[in-house]
């Protein structure tokens, strides 16, 4: 039975199965497209949340670093003044503290350059709970 004969039998309208299949395909495509748009929107929201979390971590680390540097500066000055009081010459206290910093620099730059890099890498990886 061809399409013309089907039209004659059903009063000029195609059988219900022919009309419902395109409608089902159209509904399926529309629903799939809506699902894809919903998934993409959800992925974008997740990405926004993850980026904002990383920015918050960086900002918190920056603020903590500033506080740590300021506290370290006061501590170093206090140690230099204490050493100067103990030796009787303030300049000698600052010289002793400066020599400690220079010795630390030489140790990490000349003798153990990989130690500092590995230490920093372990700290950064621990922020993301990465385990080797």
Protein backbone atom coordinates (compact mmCIF):
# COMPACT_ATOMS: atom_id res chain seq x y z
CA UNK A 1 0.00 0.00 0.00
CA UNK A 2 1.52 3.28 -1.02
CA UNK A 3 1.02 6.74 0.40
CA UNK A 4 -1.81 7.71 -2.02
CA UNK A 5 -3.83 4.61 -1.24
CA UNK A 6 -3.41 5.26 2.49
CA UNK A 7 -4.75 8.78 2.01
CA UNK A 8 -7.83 7.48 0.21
CA UNK A 9 -8.57 4.92 2.92
CA UNK A 10 -8.23 7.40 5.79
CA UNK A 11 -10.15 10.25 4.27
CA UNK A 12 -7.19 12.22 2.92
CA UNK A 13 -5.11 12.08 6.11
CA UNK A 14 -2.10 9.84 6.48
CA UNK A 15 -2.30 6.99 8.96
CA UNK A 16 -1.72 7.90 12.60
CA UNK A 17 1.61 6.05 12.75
CA UNK A 18 3.07 8.20 9.98
CA UNK A 19 2.00 11.39 11.71
CA UNK A 20 3.15 10.35 15.19
CA UNK A 21 6.67 9.21 14.20
CA UNK A 22 7.78 12.69 13.01
CA UNK A 23 6.15 14.18 16.10
CA UNK A 24 7.99 11.69 18.35
CA UNK A 25 11.27 12.43 16.59
CA UNK A 26 10.66 16.16 16.96
CA UNK A 27 9.82 15.79 20.67
CA UNK A 28 12.86 13.58 21.22
CA UNK A 29 15.18 16.02 19.47
CA UNK A 30 13.68 18.94 21.41
CA UNK A 31 14.00 17.11 24.72
CA UNK A 32 17.57 16.07 23.92
CA UNK A 33 18.47 19.65 22.99
CA UNK A 34 16.96 20.93 26.24
CA UNK A 35 18.92 18.30 28.17
CA UNK A 36 22.17 19.30 26.42
CA UNK A 37 21.54 22.97 27.23
CA UNK A 38 20.83 22.07 30.86
CA UNK A 39 24.03 20.01 31.10
CA UNK A 40 26.09 22.82 29.56
CA UNK A 41 24.56 25.35 31.97
CA UNK A 42 25.33 23.06 34.91
CA UNK A 43 28.93 22.60 33.74
CA UNK A 44 29.34 26.37 33.45
CA UNK A 45 28.02 26.84 36.99
CA UNK A 46 30.38 24.16 38.31
CA UNK A 47 33.28 25.86 36.53
CA UNK A 48 32.32 29.22 38.08
CA UNK A 49 32.22 27.64 41.54
CA UNK A 50 35.59 25.93 41.05
CA UNK A 51 37.23 29.12 39.75
CA UNK A 52 35.84 31.20 42.61
CA UNK A 53 37.11 28.58 45.08
CA UNK A 54 40.61 28.73 43.57
CA UNK A 55 40.57 32.54 43.64
CA UNK A 56 39.48 32.44 47.29
CA UNK A 57 42.35 30.06 48.12
CA UNK A 58 44.87 32.32 46.36
CA UNK A 59 43.49 35.41 48.11
CA UNK A 60 43.61 33.71 51.50
CA UNK A 61 47.18 32.54 50.88
CA UNK A 62 48.16 36.06 49.82
CA UNK A 63 46.66 37.61 52.96
CA UNK A 64 48.31 34.99 55.17
CA UNK A 65 51.63 35.55 53.40
CA UNK A 66 51.44 39.30 54.04
CA UNK A 67 50.70 38.69 57.72
CA UNK A 68 53.55 36.17 57.91
CA UNK A 69 56.03 38.57 56.26
CA UNK A 70 55.04 41.41 58.59
CA UNK A 71 55.32 39.17 61.64
CA UNK A 72 58.66 37.83 60.46
CA UNK A 73 59.98 41.36 59.96
CA UNK A 74 59.06 42.26 63.53
CA UNK A 75 60.57 39.02 64.83
CA UNK A 76 63.83 39.56 62.94
CA UNK A 77 64.07 43.14 64.19
CA UNK A 78 63.40 41.98 67.74
CA UNK A 79 66.06 39.27 67.49
CA UNK A 80 68.56 41.78 66.09
CA UNK A 81 67.83 44.21 68.93
CA UNK A 82 68.11 41.41 71.50
CA UNK A 83 71.43 40.24 70.08
CA UNK A 84 72.62 43.86 70.03
CA UNK A 85 71.66 44.34 73.68
CA UNK A 86 73.43 41.12 74.66
CA UNK A 87 76.63 42.06 72.81
CA UNK A 88 76.50 45.72 73.79
CA UNK A 89 76.44 46.92 70.16
CA UNK A 90 73.17 47.14 68.25
CA UNK A 91 74.96 47.00 64.89
CA UNK A 92 76.48 43.67 65.90
CA UNK A 93 72.99 42.24 66.52
CA UNK A 94 71.83 43.29 63.07
CA UNK A 95 75.04 41.87 61.58
CA UNK A 96 74.42 38.50 63.27
CA UNK A 97 70.83 38.32 61.99
CA UNK A 98 71.94 39.34 58.49
CA UNK A 99 74.64 36.67 58.51
CA UNK A 100 72.02 34.07 59.44
CA UNK A 101 69.96 35.08 56.40
CA UNK A 102 73.02 35.02 54.14
CA UNK A 103 73.99 31.57 55.46
CA UNK A 104 70.46 30.30 54.74
CA UNK A 105 70.64 31.72 51.23
CA UNK A 106 74.01 30.09 50.57
CA UNK A 107 72.78 26.76 51.96
CA UNK A 108 69.74 26.65 49.67
CA UNK A 109 71.44 28.19 46.62
CA UNK A 110 74.75 26.34 46.71
CA UNK A 111 74.45 23.11 48.69
CA UNK A 112 70.79 22.00 48.55
CA UNK A 113 69.01 23.78 45.66
CA UNK A 114 66.51 20.92 45.12
CA UNK A 115 65.51 20.80 48.79
CA UNK A 116 63.67 24.12 48.73
CA UNK A 117 61.97 23.33 45.40
CA UNK A 118 60.80 19.94 46.68
CA UNK A 119 59.58 21.45 49.94
CA UNK A 120 57.52 24.10 48.15
CA UNK A 121 56.14 21.52 45.73
CA UNK A 122 55.02 19.28 48.60
CA UNK A 123 53.27 22.19 50.28
CA UNK A 124 51.47 23.18 47.08
CA UNK A 125 50.44 19.60 46.33
CA UNK A 126 49.16 19.16 49.88
CA UNK A 127 46.72 22.02 49.22
CA UNK A 128 45.00 19.78 46.68
CA UNK A 129 45.35 16.57 48.73
CA UNK A 130 47.54 15.04 46.05
CA UNK A 131 49.45 11.97 47.18
CA UNK A 132 52.20 10.26 45.21
